[in-house]
Protein backbone atom coordinates (compact mmCIF):
# COMPACT_ATOMS: atom_id res chain seq x y z
CA MET A 1 -24.21 24.72 56.08
CA LYS A 2 -21.00 22.91 55.08
CA VAL A 3 -21.28 20.55 52.11
CA ASN A 4 -20.50 16.87 52.70
CA PRO A 5 -18.74 15.92 49.42
CA ASN A 6 -19.11 12.16 49.87
CA ASN A 7 -22.87 12.39 50.46
CA CYS A 8 -23.25 14.73 47.49
CA TRP A 9 -21.22 12.43 45.26
CA GLY A 10 -23.29 9.43 46.32
CA LYS A 11 -26.52 11.29 45.47
CA ALA A 12 -25.02 12.37 42.14
CA LEU A 13 -24.23 8.77 41.19
CA GLU A 14 -27.75 7.69 42.13
CA LEU A 15 -29.23 10.34 39.84
CA VAL A 16 -26.89 9.33 37.03
CA LYS A 17 -27.86 5.69 37.51
CA GLN A 18 -31.50 6.59 36.94
CA ASN A 19 -30.69 8.25 33.61
CA VAL A 20 -28.34 5.75 31.93
CA THR A 21 -28.41 2.04 31.15
CA PRO A 22 -26.92 -0.43 33.69
CA GLN A 23 -24.06 -1.20 31.28
CA GLN A 24 -23.26 2.49 30.79
CA PHE A 25 -23.20 3.05 34.53
CA GLU A 26 -20.94 0.04 35.18
CA THR A 27 -18.54 1.02 32.39
CA TRP A 28 -18.28 4.81 32.67
CA PHE A 29 -19.48 5.98 36.11
CA LYS A 30 -18.78 3.22 38.62
CA PRO A 31 -14.97 3.49 38.11
CA LEU A 32 -15.04 7.22 39.04
CA VAL A 33 -13.66 8.05 42.49
CA LEU A 34 -14.28 11.39 44.24
CA GLU A 35 -10.95 12.90 45.34
CA ASN A 36 -12.02 16.26 46.76
CA PHE A 37 -14.38 19.21 46.42
CA ASP A 38 -13.07 22.80 46.49
CA GLU A 39 -15.92 24.97 47.73
CA ASN A 40 -14.09 28.18 46.78
CA THR A 41 -13.76 27.30 43.11
CA LYS A 42 -16.79 24.94 43.09
CA THR A 43 -14.55 22.31 41.49
CA ILE A 44 -15.22 18.59 41.95
CA LEU A 45 -12.05 16.54 41.34
CA VAL A 46 -12.58 12.88 40.44
CA GLN A 47 -10.14 10.13 39.61
CA VAL A 48 -10.59 8.28 36.28
CA PRO A 49 -8.77 5.11 35.15
CA SER A 50 -7.78 6.40 31.68
CA PRO A 51 -7.85 9.49 29.44
CA PHE A 52 -10.38 7.68 27.29
CA VAL A 53 -12.91 7.69 30.14
CA TYR A 54 -12.93 11.46 30.58
CA GLU A 55 -12.93 11.99 26.82
CA TYR A 56 -15.97 9.73 26.54
CA LEU A 57 -17.76 11.36 29.49
CA GLU A 58 -17.13 14.84 28.11
CA GLU A 59 -18.45 13.90 24.70
CA ASN A 60 -21.46 11.78 25.65
CA PHE A 61 -22.59 12.72 29.17
CA LEU A 62 -21.49 16.32 29.70
CA GLY A 63 -25.04 17.73 29.90
CA LEU A 64 -26.18 15.04 32.35
CA LEU A 65 -23.11 15.53 34.57
CA ARG A 66 -23.54 19.31 34.73
CA THR A 67 -27.22 19.00 35.67
CA VAL A 68 -26.62 16.34 38.33
CA LEU A 69 -23.63 18.05 39.94
CA CYS A 70 -25.35 21.43 40.10
CA ARG A 71 -28.32 19.78 41.82
CA THR A 72 -26.32 17.73 44.36
CA PHE A 73 -23.29 19.98 45.08
CA CYS A 74 -24.04 23.60 44.25
CA GLU A 75 -25.02 25.89 41.41
CA GLY A 76 -22.10 26.43 39.03
CA ALA A 77 -20.29 23.22 40.07
CA GLN A 78 -17.68 22.09 37.57
CA LEU A 79 -15.80 18.84 37.09
CA ALA A 80 -12.07 18.21 36.87
CA TYR A 81 -10.32 14.89 36.31
CA ARG A 82 -7.16 13.21 37.51
CA VAL A 83 -6.03 10.14 35.57
CA VAL A 84 -4.91 7.40 37.96
CA THR A 85 -3.79 4.45 35.85
CA ASP A 86 -2.46 2.36 38.74
CA LYS A 87 -4.05 3.10 42.10
CA GLU A 88 -1.77 0.76 44.02
CA ASN A 89 1.39 2.53 42.83
CA LYS A 90 -0.26 5.96 42.40
CA LEU A 91 0.68 6.37 38.76
CA THR A 92 -1.18 9.54 37.83
CA GLN A 93 -1.29 11.94 34.96
CA ASP A 94 -0.51 14.94 37.18
CA ILE A 95 2.92 16.38 37.67
CA GLU A 96 3.70 16.00 41.34
CA ALA A 97 2.11 19.09 42.90
CA ASP A 98 3.57 21.28 45.59
CA PRO A 99 1.70 20.70 48.93
CA ALA A 100 0.80 24.39 49.01
CA ASP A 101 -0.87 24.11 45.60
CA ALA A 102 -4.63 24.18 46.00
CA GLU A 103 -5.25 22.86 42.47
CA PRO A 104 -3.57 19.82 40.95
CA LYS A 105 -1.43 20.52 37.94
CA LYS A 106 -2.33 19.13 34.52
CA SER A 107 -5.78 17.94 35.62
CA TYR A 108 -8.40 18.25 32.91
CA ASN A 109 -11.46 20.44 33.06
CA HIS A 110 -13.97 21.86 30.60
CA ALA A 111 -11.84 24.89 29.80
CA ASN A 112 -8.63 23.01 28.94
CA GLN A 113 -7.48 20.65 26.23
CA PRO A 114 -6.63 17.06 27.27
CA PRO A 115 -2.98 16.71 28.29
CA SER A 116 -0.73 15.20 25.66
CA SER A 117 0.98 12.43 27.59
CA LEU A 118 0.82 10.21 30.65
CA ASP A 119 3.49 9.89 33.30
CA VAL A 120 3.22 6.11 33.55
CA ALA A 121 5.56 3.17 33.87
CA MET A 122 7.16 1.75 30.73
CA PRO A 123 4.72 -0.75 29.13
CA GLN A 124 5.75 -4.36 28.68
CA GLU A 125 6.91 -5.72 25.31
CA ILE A 126 4.06 -6.92 23.08
CA ASP A 127 3.70 -9.36 20.19
CA SER A 128 3.53 -7.11 17.14
CA GLN A 129 1.57 -9.73 15.13
CA LEU A 130 3.70 -8.83 12.11
CA ASN A 131 4.64 -11.38 9.45
CA PRO A 132 8.48 -11.24 9.37
CA HIS A 133 8.51 -12.65 5.81
CA LEU A 134 6.61 -9.66 4.38
CA THR A 135 9.40 -7.10 4.04
CA PHE A 136 10.48 -4.28 1.75
CA LYS A 137 13.22 -6.55 0.46
CA ASN A 138 10.71 -8.84 -1.25
CA TYR A 139 8.14 -6.13 -2.03
CA VAL A 140 8.83 -5.55 -5.73
CA GLU A 141 8.42 -1.93 -6.82
CA GLY A 142 6.46 -0.92 -9.91
CA SER A 143 4.36 1.94 -11.24
CA SER A 144 1.30 0.64 -9.38
CA ASN A 145 2.91 0.84 -5.93
CA LYS A 146 5.84 3.26 -6.20
CA LEU A 147 4.33 6.12 -4.16
CA PRO A 148 2.89 4.00 -1.30
CA ARG A 149 6.10 1.98 -1.09
CA SER A 150 8.29 5.10 -0.98
CA VAL A 151 6.15 6.80 1.66
CA GLY A 152 5.89 3.57 3.66
CA MET A 153 9.68 3.26 3.76
CA SER A 154 9.98 6.87 4.95
CA ILE A 155 7.41 6.29 7.71
CA ALA A 156 9.21 3.15 8.89
CA GLU A 157 12.52 5.03 9.11
CA HIS A 158 11.07 8.19 10.70
CA PRO A 159 7.98 7.05 12.65
CA SER A 160 7.91 10.06 14.98
CA THR A 161 7.51 12.71 12.27
CA PRO A 162 3.94 14.06 11.86
CA GLN A 163 4.06 14.00 8.06
CA PHE A 164 1.65 11.56 6.31
CA ASN A 165 -0.15 10.64 9.53
CA PRO A 166 -2.39 8.75 9.24
CA MET A 167 -1.40 6.81 6.13
CA PHE A 168 -4.52 5.41 4.47
CA ILE A 169 -3.81 2.68 1.89
CA PHE A 170 -6.57 1.44 -0.40
CA GLY A 171 -6.84 -0.89 -3.36
CA PRO A 172 -8.52 -4.09 -4.56
CA SER A 173 -7.92 -7.50 -3.03
CA GLY A 174 -4.57 -9.02 -3.94
CA CYS A 175 -2.77 -5.75 -4.80
CA GLY A 176 -0.27 -5.97 -1.90
CA LYS A 177 -1.81 -3.86 0.90
CA THR A 178 -1.13 -6.39 3.65
CA HIS A 179 2.44 -6.96 2.44
CA LEU A 180 3.17 -3.21 2.43
CA MET A 181 1.71 -2.65 5.92
CA ASN A 182 3.71 -5.53 7.36
CA ALA A 183 6.86 -4.31 5.60
CA ILE A 184 6.45 -0.89 7.25
CA GLY A 185 6.01 -2.44 10.67
CA VAL A 186 8.86 -4.95 10.29
CA HIS A 187 11.29 -2.26 9.08
CA CYS A 188 10.29 0.08 11.92
CA LYS A 189 10.88 -2.65 14.53
CA GLN A 190 14.27 -3.43 13.00
CA MET A 191 15.32 0.22 13.30
CA TYR A 192 13.57 0.99 16.60
CA PRO A 193 13.24 -2.24 18.64
CA GLU A 194 11.82 -0.31 21.60
CA LYS A 195 8.80 0.89 19.58
CA ARG A 196 5.46 -0.77 20.35
CA VAL A 197 4.24 -1.75 16.88
CA LEU A 198 0.98 -3.66 16.42
CA TYR A 199 -0.60 -5.08 13.26
CA ILE A 200 -4.21 -6.18 13.60
CA SER A 201 -7.16 -6.87 11.31
CA ALA A 202 -10.28 -4.76 11.77
CA ARG A 203 -12.27 -7.92 12.43
CA LEU A 204 -10.01 -9.06 15.27
CA PHE A 205 -10.11 -5.56 16.78
CA GLN A 206 -13.91 -5.74 16.75
CA VAL A 207 -13.88 -9.18 18.40
CA GLN A 208 -11.53 -7.91 21.12
CA TYR A 209 -13.75 -4.88 21.72
CA THR A 210 -16.90 -7.04 21.99
CA ASN A 211 -15.19 -9.37 24.47
CA ALA A 212 -14.01 -6.39 26.53
CA VAL A 213 -17.56 -5.06 26.75
CA LEU A 214 -18.95 -8.46 27.77
CA GLN A 215 -16.23 -8.93 30.40
CA ASN A 216 -16.48 -5.31 31.61
CA THR A 217 -12.78 -4.72 30.81
CA ILE A 218 -13.27 -1.92 28.30
CA ASN A 219 -10.90 0.40 30.18
CA ASP A 220 -8.10 -2.18 30.02
CA PHE A 221 -8.79 -2.59 26.30
CA ILE A 222 -8.55 1.16 25.70
CA ASN A 223 -5.50 1.58 27.93
CA PHE A 224 -3.64 -1.10 25.98
CA TYR A 225 -4.27 0.47 22.57
CA GLN A 226 -3.31 3.90 23.84
CA THR A 227 0.22 2.63 24.57
CA ILE A 228 0.91 1.65 20.93
CA ASP A 229 3.55 3.66 19.03
CA MET A 230 2.57 2.40 15.56
CA LEU A 231 -0.93 1.01 15.11
CA ILE A 232 -1.55 -0.82 11.81
CA VAL A 233 -5.17 -1.80 11.09
CA ASP A 234 -6.08 -3.84 8.00
CA ASP A 235 -9.46 -4.08 6.20
CA ILE A 236 -11.23 -1.29 8.08
CA GLN A 237 -14.17 -1.55 5.70
CA GLU A 238 -15.23 -4.40 8.02
CA TRP A 239 -16.48 -1.75 10.49
CA ALA A 240 -19.11 -0.37 8.10
CA THR A 241 -22.01 -1.33 10.40
CA ALA A 242 -20.15 -1.55 13.72
CA THR A 243 -21.09 1.81 15.23
CA LYS A 244 -19.79 1.13 18.76
CA THR A 245 -16.50 -0.24 17.45
CA GLN A 246 -16.13 2.93 15.35
CA ASP A 247 -16.81 5.14 18.40
CA THR A 248 -14.19 3.35 20.44
CA PHE A 249 -11.59 3.48 17.65
CA PHE A 250 -12.33 7.19 17.20
CA HIS A 251 -11.14 7.88 20.75
CA ILE A 252 -8.12 5.61 20.40
CA PHE A 253 -7.26 7.32 17.11
CA ASN A 254 -7.55 10.77 18.71
CA HIS A 255 -5.31 9.83 21.62
CA LEU A 256 -2.61 8.31 19.43
CA PHE A 257 -2.75 11.12 16.87
CA ARG A 258 -2.60 13.83 19.53
CA ASN A 259 0.44 12.18 21.09
CA GLY A 260 2.34 11.90 17.82
CA LYS A 261 1.93 8.14 17.43
CA ARG A 262 1.84 6.60 13.97
CA ILE A 263 -1.41 5.24 12.47
CA ILE A 264 -1.58 3.16 9.27
CA LEU A 265 -4.90 1.97 7.87
CA ALA A 266 -5.91 -0.14 4.88
CA SER A 267 -9.19 -0.67 3.05
CA ASP A 268 -10.46 -2.00 -0.25
CA ARG A 269 -11.84 1.46 -1.09
CA PRO A 270 -10.98 5.13 -0.41
CA PRO A 271 -12.49 6.97 2.61
CA VAL A 272 -15.16 8.72 0.50
CA GLU A 273 -16.58 5.32 -0.50
CA LEU A 274 -16.71 3.83 3.01
CA LYS A 275 -20.48 3.68 3.44
CA GLY A 276 -21.73 3.37 7.02
CA MET A 277 -18.56 4.87 8.50
CA ASN A 278 -18.89 7.73 10.99
CA GLU A 279 -18.23 11.09 9.35
CA ARG A 280 -15.84 12.21 12.09
CA LEU A 281 -13.74 9.09 11.47
CA LEU A 282 -13.70 9.69 7.73
CA THR A 283 -12.38 13.23 8.19
CA ARG A 284 -9.55 11.87 10.31
CA PHE A 285 -8.77 9.09 7.84
CA SER A 286 -8.41 11.76 5.14
CA CYS A 287 -6.23 14.24 7.04
CA GLY A 288 -2.91 12.48 6.33
CA LEU A 289 -1.99 10.66 3.13
CA ILE A 290 -4.43 8.64 1.01
CA ALA A 291 -2.35 6.25 -1.12
CA GLU A 292 -3.84 4.01 -3.80
CA LEU A 293 -2.37 0.60 -4.60
CA GLU A 294 -3.38 -0.56 -8.06
CA LYS A 295 -3.30 -4.12 -9.32
CA PRO A 296 0.15 -4.80 -10.83
CA ASN A 297 0.37 -4.77 -14.63
CA VAL A 298 1.81 -7.72 -16.57
CA GLU A 299 5.38 -6.36 -16.45
CA LEU A 300 5.30 -6.02 -12.65
CA CYS A 301 3.69 -9.46 -12.34
CA VAL A 302 6.64 -10.90 -14.26
CA GLU A 303 9.07 -9.16 -11.86
CA ILE A 304 7.15 -10.43 -8.83
CA LEU A 305 7.21 -13.96 -10.20
CA ASN A 306 10.94 -13.80 -10.98
CA SER A 307 11.64 -12.50 -7.48
CA LYS A 308 9.72 -15.37 -5.85
CA ILE A 309 11.26 -17.93 -8.18
CA ARG A 310 14.78 -16.75 -7.25
CA ARG A 311 13.98 -16.88 -3.53
CA ASP A 312 12.50 -20.39 -3.78
CA GLY A 313 15.28 -21.69 -6.04
CA LEU A 314 12.88 -22.77 -8.80
CA HIS A 315 13.49 -23.19 -12.51
CA ILE A 316 10.54 -22.02 -14.62
CA PRO A 317 10.76 -21.29 -18.37
CA VAL A 318 10.31 -17.70 -19.53
CA ASP A 319 7.21 -18.52 -21.60
CA VAL A 320 5.55 -20.11 -18.55
CA ILE A 321 6.29 -17.02 -16.44
CA SER A 322 4.78 -14.75 -19.11
CA PHE A 323 1.71 -16.99 -19.33
CA ILE A 324 1.13 -16.92 -15.57
CA ALA A 325 1.65 -13.15 -15.37
CA SER A 326 -0.85 -12.47 -18.13
CA THR A 327 -3.57 -14.76 -16.74
CA ALA A 328 -3.44 -14.08 -12.96
CA ASN A 329 -5.72 -11.02 -13.17
CA GLY A 330 -3.14 -8.74 -11.58
CA SER A 331 -3.46 -10.42 -8.19
CA VAL A 332 -0.28 -10.96 -6.16
CA ARG A 333 -2.06 -13.65 -4.13
CA ASP A 334 -2.99 -15.52 -7.31
CA LEU A 335 0.61 -15.31 -8.52
CA GLN A 336 1.93 -16.77 -5.28
CA GLY A 337 -0.78 -19.45 -5.26
CA VAL A 338 0.08 -20.56 -8.79
CA ILE A 339 3.82 -20.78 -8.03
CA ASN A 340 3.18 -22.77 -4.84
CA SER A 341 0.86 -25.14 -6.75
CA LEU A 342 3.39 -25.60 -9.56
CA LEU A 343 6.07 -26.46 -7.01
CA ALA A 344 3.79 -28.98 -5.28
CA TYR A 345 2.79 -30.67 -8.54
CA SER A 346 6.37 -30.89 -9.80
CA VAL A 347 7.56 -32.46 -6.53
CA VAL A 348 4.68 -34.92 -6.12
CA TYR A 349 4.69 -36.07 -9.76
CA ASN A 350 8.46 -35.64 -10.27
CA CYS A 351 7.96 -33.62 -13.44
CA ASP A 352 9.35 -30.44 -14.93
CA ILE A 353 7.42 -27.17 -14.74
CA ASP A 354 6.32 -26.54 -18.32
CA MET A 355 3.46 -24.85 -20.16
CA LYS A 356 1.25 -27.94 -20.00
CA LEU A 357 1.54 -28.12 -16.22
CA ALA A 358 1.07 -24.33 -15.90
CA GLU A 359 -2.17 -24.45 -17.90
CA ARG A 360 -3.43 -27.28 -15.71
CA VAL A 361 -2.65 -25.41 -12.48
CA ILE A 362 -3.96 -22.06 -13.70
CA LYS A 363 -7.40 -23.54 -14.41
CA ARG A 364 -7.67 -24.62 -10.77
CA ALA A 365 -6.07 -21.58 -9.14
CA VAL A 366 -7.30 -18.59 -11.16
CA LYS A 367 -10.73 -17.78 -12.57
CA ILE A 368 -10.27 -17.44 -16.33
CA ASP A 369 -12.92 -16.60 -18.87
CA ASP A 370 -13.48 -19.52 -21.23
CA LYS A 371 -14.22 -17.11 -24.07
CA PRO A 372 -11.60 -14.36 -24.40
CA LEU A 373 -12.73 -10.84 -25.25
CA THR A 374 -12.29 -9.71 -28.83
CA VAL A 375 -11.87 -6.17 -30.14
CA ASP A 376 -15.35 -6.46 -31.67
CA ASP A 377 -16.80 -7.36 -28.24
CA ILE A 378 -15.12 -4.33 -26.72
CA LEU A 379 -16.23 -1.99 -29.52
CA ASP A 380 -19.84 -3.15 -29.24
CA THR A 381 -19.92 -2.68 -25.44
CA VAL A 382 -18.23 0.75 -25.55
CA CYS A 383 -20.49 2.02 -28.35
CA ASN A 384 -23.56 0.80 -26.49
CA HIS A 385 -22.41 2.58 -23.34
CA PHE A 386 -21.77 5.91 -25.11
CA ASN A 387 -24.82 5.49 -27.36
CA VAL A 388 -22.87 5.77 -30.63
CA THR A 389 -22.52 3.44 -33.61
CA THR A 390 -19.55 1.24 -34.38
CA SER A 391 -19.30 2.64 -37.91
CA ALA A 392 -19.13 6.19 -36.52
CA VAL A 393 -16.33 5.25 -34.10
CA ASN A 394 -14.42 3.54 -36.93
CA GLY A 395 -14.94 6.60 -39.16
CA LYS A 396 -12.96 9.86 -39.47
CA SER A 397 -15.22 12.12 -37.38
CA ARG A 398 -13.52 14.17 -34.62
CA LYS A 399 -16.68 14.79 -32.61
CA ARG A 400 -15.88 14.64 -28.92
CA ASP A 401 -18.17 11.73 -28.03
CA LEU A 402 -16.80 9.64 -30.90
CA VAL A 403 -13.18 10.46 -30.02
CA VAL A 404 -13.76 9.42 -26.40
CA ALA A 405 -15.45 6.15 -27.45
CA ARG A 406 -12.61 5.46 -29.89
CA GLN A 407 -9.89 6.10 -27.30
CA VAL A 408 -11.68 4.03 -24.66
CA SER A 409 -12.03 1.14 -27.11
CA MET A 410 -8.32 1.21 -27.90
CA TYR A 411 -7.41 1.45 -24.20
CA LEU A 412 -9.61 -1.50 -23.22
CA ALA A 413 -8.48 -3.52 -26.24
CA GLN A 414 -4.87 -3.11 -25.18
CA LYS A 415 -5.78 -4.04 -21.60
CA TYR A 416 -7.86 -7.14 -22.34
CA THR A 417 -6.72 -8.65 -25.65
CA LYS A 418 -2.91 -8.63 -25.36
CA MET A 419 -2.74 -7.55 -29.01
CA PRO A 420 0.05 -5.25 -30.22
CA ALA A 421 -0.89 -1.59 -30.78
CA SER A 422 -0.53 -1.95 -34.55
CA ARG A 423 -3.13 -4.73 -34.67
CA ILE A 424 -5.56 -2.83 -32.40
CA GLY A 425 -5.22 0.23 -34.63
CA LYS A 426 -6.10 -1.81 -37.71
CA LEU A 427 -9.25 -3.14 -36.05
CA VAL A 428 -10.41 0.23 -34.67
CA GLY A 429 -10.86 2.47 -37.70
CA ASN A 430 -7.67 1.37 -39.49
CA ARG A 431 -5.44 3.70 -37.39
CA ASP A 432 -1.71 3.31 -36.93
CA HIS A 433 0.01 2.17 -33.75
CA SER A 434 0.98 5.71 -32.66
CA THR A 435 -2.71 6.66 -32.49
CA VAL A 436 -3.37 3.71 -30.20
CA ILE A 437 -0.45 4.62 -27.93
CA HIS A 438 -1.62 8.26 -27.77
CA SER A 439 -5.22 7.19 -27.03
CA CYS A 440 -4.13 4.90 -24.19
CA SER A 441 -1.97 7.66 -22.73
CA GLN A 442 -4.89 10.12 -22.82
CA ILE A 443 -7.22 7.68 -21.09
CA GLU A 444 -4.65 6.87 -18.37
CA LYS A 445 -4.13 10.59 -17.66
CA ARG A 446 -7.86 11.21 -17.42
CA LEU A 447 -8.41 8.24 -15.10
CA LYS A 448 -6.04 9.81 -12.58
CA VAL A 449 -8.02 13.06 -12.27
CA ASP A 450 -11.60 12.28 -13.31
CA VAL A 451 -13.45 10.11 -10.76
CA ALA A 452 -16.70 10.08 -12.75
CA PHE A 453 -14.88 8.90 -15.87
CA LYS A 454 -13.12 6.19 -13.84
CA ASP A 455 -16.53 4.97 -12.65
CA GLU A 456 -17.74 4.90 -16.28
CA LEU A 457 -14.86 2.65 -17.30
CA SER A 458 -15.49 0.38 -14.31
CA SER A 459 -19.11 0.09 -15.44
CA ILE A 460 -18.03 -0.91 -18.94
CA GLU A 461 -15.58 -3.49 -17.60
CA THR A 462 -18.27 -4.93 -15.32
CA SER A 463 -20.51 -5.41 -18.34
CA PHE A 464 -17.73 -7.50 -19.95
CA ARG A 465 -17.93 -9.95 -17.04
CA LEU A 466 -21.72 -10.11 -17.17
CA LYS A 467 -21.80 -11.22 -20.82
């Protein structure tokens, strides 16, 4: 008896409907359209509205589909897909097949990999959401950002190369992640105006996804993101508990990555510390380049301030610049906020920008400890952490635990007290300045390669703030 494909397909959808939620059926199965059934090869060809749909079906409903199709069509039935992105104009993923061809070319089935590109019309121009004022020209380079800045510039100039894809940027708030990401996008658009570049925050992406689900336009949402040439997503740690958002981004990521599109991500922590993030996403985040942005040191803060002052045409004394740089906690945002506040005060009150005004503004713009740390405070905290005595650290012993405590004390004293090395040496065991410089160098080297040691120092620094 000859099989009636339409009747079989209708029965198959009814069975599927009984085994999934109403929302799953509306989103993933209702858009499917039966094209034909080849009884010789037992292949059922269906039209899908996007590559994401068949990827999602294959990953989440493959077992159900096999069972249902074998029951309604025939034993051994298999599924193939044809992507039809615009039914009215017949924009499909297939290469136009010869009429004599029994099987469509480039359709996707269980034995093949997904095709790498779509033969679709050129997408319309989009708003990149980039801030045109955040460029490489005003992104001041220093030791804390040299590698990410250099790689970012290379990516912007050669976006189609597979090297360093994805680029994962991480660092604390205020270290310049958003500026760097925008600079990459802006420079890329300047060099390649035809490229579809999009900057978006993780939170806005999640809001868009939720709205798409509620409005049953998830396929349009996915289709849009799959047309992007350079996708830049900021603050992805926001997705820590958003499982469905992560699943959707996983498929978008796969599609873009497979098609050689550029992906740039930013977070306040490295991939290994992103709790609640799907493991398969983390492995993809880590397969390109992981670049750390550190808070700028005082010297770089001074350069950043001078750069902004020149651009804004301000006149600020050198001692005021040094004061701001040393009290802004290494935050670029704080630096910019202080300068903007100084400018506003000087205009409103028609006064010069001097140290008195800077101190007044700093108190309102930046959180400053009322009681500055002393070397004795640091020594006590470090010795307590390593369970050694202050007298032992100040003594001549070369035992490893005492040497480490001594070096850490000198390193933190230099970081937090702004004292010269000679003075720190006098206060920590009556050493000379060269010993302090050597100790700081040793600690900095170890911090770059020893994660556990870096965590120890963070713990000590946290205890400073809790006192």
